Amino acid sequence: MNEDEAAAPHATRERFWRGERVAFTPVEPDDAALIQRWRADPVAAHEIGSWPGPLHELSERLVAYAEDRTRDDFLVLLPDDTPIGHIALHEEAFVDGTAEAYLLLAPEHRGKGYGVDALAALTDLAFGELPLHRVEAVTHTANAAALATLKKAGFTQEGVRRSSCLHRGRRHDNALLALLREEWEAQTRPRAWDHG
């Protein structure tokens, strides 16, 4: 690794996909410490439903994710190469045309619109490049910020899974949201491929 790579380690990473203000690069096993730090944030840990386990377990999972044909995992990068989150399509079932969206932003980058942009880019990938018909998302019903972000990205709340999550000894309800291909097609915003 040369000095430039050490100063900006994500600058040499391929930009697989772009949003209006963010880009995606595939998650690598070396990203485990960074993702672990984001997952250890108390707000994120609550929304994920568990505290992060040992770093080596997350590293092993990231290696397994790379081999898993039912998921696509990316780091979310700003134009200056700053990594600000982890986004994924997982449980991809191409026969049924379904997948679930996952988004985790670094605490210091929440509330700035990056989540909406990242989800828009992810759904452009899901519906513009992959043969998906439905993308779901699940979050606690009390997670107002996540619900607002998902709704701004075009997701519709379909229901509530009552008492479906246990965290710190308490049961929580989860909201189920989804975006369908025809709803995505009706959106009038620029698409990921319009951003170069």
Protein backbone atom coordinates (compact mmCIF):
# COMPACT_ATOMS: atom_id res chain seq x y z
CA MET A 1 0.00 0.00 0.00
CA ASN A 2 1.49 3.37 -0.98
CA GLU A 3 1.06 6.67 0.92
CA ASP A 4 -1.96 7.76 -1.14
CA GLU A 5 -3.70 4.43 -0.54
CA ALA A 6 -2.95 4.65 3.19
CA ALA A 7 -4.36 8.19 3.37
CA ALA A 8 -7.55 7.31 1.46
CA PRO A 9 -7.95 3.52 1.61
CA HIS A 10 -11.28 3.50 -0.22
CA ALA A 11 -10.11 5.72 -3.10
CA THR A 12 -8.77 2.74 -5.02
CA ARG A 13 -11.98 0.75 -4.65
CA GLU A 14 -14.12 0.25 -7.73
CA ARG A 15 -17.39 2.19 -7.72
CA PHE A 16 -19.86 -0.50 -8.66
CA TRP A 17 -22.97 1.70 -8.60
CA ARG A 18 -23.80 5.37 -8.07
CA GLY A 19 -26.57 7.38 -6.51
CA GLU A 20 -27.05 11.12 -6.65
CA ARG A 21 -24.64 11.80 -3.76
CA VAL A 22 -23.21 8.36 -2.91
CA ALA A 23 -21.54 5.43 -4.62
CA PHE A 24 -21.38 1.71 -3.82
CA THR A 25 -18.31 -0.47 -3.70
CA PRO A 26 -18.47 -4.19 -2.85
CA VAL A 27 -17.90 -5.02 0.82
CA GLU A 28 -14.56 -6.69 1.48
CA PRO A 29 -13.58 -8.78 4.54
CA ASP A 30 -11.16 -5.98 5.50
CA ASP A 31 -14.21 -3.73 6.06
CA ALA A 32 -15.23 -5.74 9.13
CA ALA A 33 -13.72 -3.37 11.72
CA LEU A 34 -15.43 -0.37 10.14
CA ILE A 35 -18.83 -2.08 9.96
CA GLN A 36 -18.35 -3.41 13.50
CA ARG A 37 -17.86 0.18 14.74
CA TRP A 38 -21.10 1.27 13.07
CA ARG A 39 -22.97 -1.75 14.45
CA ALA A 40 -21.71 -0.98 17.99
CA ASP A 41 -23.48 2.38 18.01
CA PRO A 42 -26.32 2.02 20.57
CA VAL A 43 -29.00 3.29 18.16
CA ALA A 44 -27.87 0.87 15.43
CA ALA A 45 -27.54 -2.01 17.88
CA HIS A 46 -31.12 -1.43 19.02
CA GLU A 47 -32.45 -1.35 15.45
CA ILE A 48 -30.47 -4.43 14.39
CA GLY A 49 -31.83 -6.16 17.47
CA SER A 50 -28.53 -7.29 18.95
CA TRP A 51 -25.12 -6.09 20.02
CA PRO A 52 -22.34 -6.99 17.61
CA GLY A 53 -20.43 -10.16 18.38
CA PRO A 54 -16.68 -10.64 18.09
CA LEU A 55 -14.94 -8.98 15.16
CA HIS A 56 -13.67 -12.32 13.83
CA GLU A 57 -17.27 -13.55 13.50
CA LEU A 58 -18.23 -10.52 11.41
CA SER A 59 -15.09 -11.01 9.27
CA GLU A 60 -16.11 -14.63 8.67
CA ARG A 61 -19.65 -13.55 7.78
CA LEU A 62 -18.36 -11.02 5.25
CA VAL A 63 -16.30 -13.76 3.60
CA ALA A 64 -19.42 -15.95 3.48
CA TYR A 65 -21.49 -13.05 2.10
CA ALA A 66 -19.11 -12.76 -0.85
CA GLU A 67 -19.90 -16.37 -1.76
CA ASP A 68 -23.64 -16.13 -1.06
CA ARG A 69 -25.59 -15.81 -4.31
CA THR A 70 -28.70 -14.62 -2.44
CA ARG A 71 -27.19 -11.29 -1.39
CA ASP A 72 -25.27 -8.26 -2.62
CA ASP A 73 -23.40 -6.18 -0.01
CA PHE A 74 -21.84 -2.75 -0.53
CA LEU A 75 -20.10 0.02 1.35
CA VAL A 76 -21.74 3.38 0.78
CA LEU A 77 -19.12 6.01 -0.14
CA LEU A 78 -19.27 9.79 -0.39
CA PRO A 79 -17.65 11.49 -3.42
CA ASP A 80 -14.51 12.12 -1.30
CA ASP A 81 -14.21 8.33 -0.68
CA THR A 82 -15.43 8.51 2.93
CA PRO A 83 -17.28 5.29 3.79
CA ILE A 84 -20.55 6.14 5.51
CA GLY A 85 -22.55 2.92 5.59
CA HIS A 86 -23.30 -0.67 4.68
CA ILE A 87 -26.18 -1.41 2.31
CA ALA A 88 -27.37 -4.75 0.98
CA LEU A 89 -29.98 -6.67 -0.90
CA HIS A 90 -30.31 -10.01 0.86
CA GLU A 91 -32.56 -13.02 0.69
CA GLU A 92 -32.68 -12.44 -3.06
CA ALA A 93 -35.09 -14.93 -4.62
CA PHE A 94 -34.96 -14.37 -8.36
CA VAL A 95 -37.68 -16.95 -9.09
CA ASP A 96 -40.13 -15.02 -6.90
CA GLY A 97 -38.54 -11.67 -7.73
CA THR A 98 -38.09 -10.63 -4.10
CA ALA A 99 -35.33 -9.37 -1.82
CA GLU A 100 -34.93 -7.48 1.43
CA ALA A 101 -33.10 -4.17 1.73
CA TYR A 102 -30.69 -3.51 4.59
CA LEU A 103 -29.08 -0.16 5.40
CA LEU A 104 -26.76 0.84 8.23
CA LEU A 105 -25.34 4.37 8.26
CA ALA A 106 -22.52 5.66 10.44
CA PRO A 107 -23.98 7.74 13.29
CA GLU A 108 -22.32 10.96 12.10
CA HIS A 109 -23.91 10.64 8.64
CA ARG A 110 -27.52 10.02 9.66
CA GLY A 111 -30.17 12.67 9.10
CA LYS A 112 -28.43 14.18 6.05
CA GLY A 113 -30.40 12.51 3.26
CA TYR A 114 -27.74 9.92 2.43
CA GLY A 115 -30.04 7.08 3.43
CA VAL A 116 -32.71 8.11 0.93
CA ASP A 117 -30.10 8.44 -1.83
CA ALA A 118 -28.55 5.07 -0.98
CA LEU A 119 -31.95 3.34 -0.96
CA ALA A 120 -32.86 4.98 -4.27
CA ALA A 121 -29.63 3.68 -5.81
CA LEU A 122 -30.24 0.23 -4.31
CA THR A 123 -33.76 0.03 -5.75
CA ASP A 124 -32.40 1.19 -9.12
CA LEU A 125 -30.08 -1.81 -8.96
CA ALA A 126 -32.88 -4.14 -7.84
CA PHE A 127 -35.34 -3.12 -10.55
CA GLY A 128 -33.09 -1.71 -13.27
CA GLU A 129 -30.42 -4.43 -13.35
CA LEU A 130 -31.78 -7.39 -11.42
CA PRO A 131 -35.00 -9.28 -12.17
CA LEU A 132 -36.70 -8.25 -8.94
CA HIS A 133 -40.35 -7.32 -8.57
CA ARG A 134 -40.53 -6.53 -4.83
CA VAL A 135 -38.01 -5.17 -2.32
CA GLU A 136 -38.97 -5.35 1.35
CA ALA A 137 -37.57 -3.60 4.41
CA VAL A 138 -38.15 -4.25 8.10
CA THR A 139 -37.57 -1.89 11.03
CA HIS A 140 -38.92 -1.31 14.53
CA THR A 141 -42.20 0.55 14.55
CA ALA A 142 -40.64 3.10 16.93
CA ASN A 143 -37.77 3.86 14.52
CA ALA A 144 -39.25 7.10 13.16
CA ALA A 145 -36.07 8.05 11.30
CA ALA A 146 -35.85 4.75 9.40
CA LEU A 147 -39.56 4.77 8.60
CA ALA A 148 -39.32 8.33 7.25
CA THR A 149 -36.24 7.43 5.16
CA LEU A 150 -37.92 4.37 3.68
CA LYS A 151 -41.09 6.31 2.86
CA LYS A 152 -39.06 9.08 1.18
CA ALA A 153 -37.40 6.36 -0.91
CA GLY A 154 -40.86 5.19 -2.06
CA PHE A 155 -41.50 2.28 0.30
CA THR A 156 -45.05 1.73 1.58
CA GLN A 157 -45.76 0.32 5.02
CA GLU A 158 -47.81 -2.83 4.56
CA GLY A 159 -48.19 -4.03 8.11
CA VAL A 160 -46.72 -4.75 11.50
CA ARG A 161 -45.14 -7.94 12.77
CA ARG A 162 -46.24 -7.76 16.37
CA SER A 163 -43.71 -8.68 19.08
CA SER A 164 -41.32 -10.05 16.44
CA CYS A 165 -38.01 -8.80 17.85
CA LEU A 166 -36.36 -9.38 21.23
CA HIS A 167 -33.73 -6.85 22.29
CA ARG A 168 -32.40 -6.29 25.81
CA GLY A 169 -35.16 -8.42 27.27
CA ARG A 170 -38.00 -6.47 25.67
CA ARG A 171 -40.26 -7.41 22.79
CA HIS A 172 -40.59 -4.96 19.89
CA ASP A 173 -42.97 -4.71 16.94
CA ASN A 174 -41.47 -4.51 13.45
CA ALA A 175 -42.95 -2.61 10.52
CA LEU A 176 -42.91 -4.31 7.13
CA LEU A 177 -42.48 -1.99 4.15
CA ALA A 178 -42.10 -2.73 0.45
CA LEU A 179 -41.49 -1.12 -2.91
CA LEU A 180 -42.86 -2.83 -6.03
CA ARG A 181 -41.38 -2.61 -9.51
CA GLU A 182 -44.35 -0.67 -10.90
CA GLU A 183 -44.08 1.85 -8.05
CA TRP A 184 -40.37 2.28 -8.79
CA GLU A 185 -41.15 2.71 -12.51
CA ALA A 186 -43.62 5.50 -11.62
CA GLN A 187 -40.96 7.47 -9.72
CA THR A 188 -39.84 10.56 -11.63
CA ARG A 189 -36.42 11.02 -10.00
CA PRO A 190 -33.11 10.55 -11.85
CA ARG A 191 -31.86 6.95 -11.94
CA ALA A 192 -28.48 5.60 -10.81
CA TRP A 193 -27.26 5.37 -14.42
CA ASP A 194 -27.95 9.11 -14.85
CA HIS A 195 -25.17 9.82 -12.32
CA GLY A 196 -22.36 8.41 -14.46
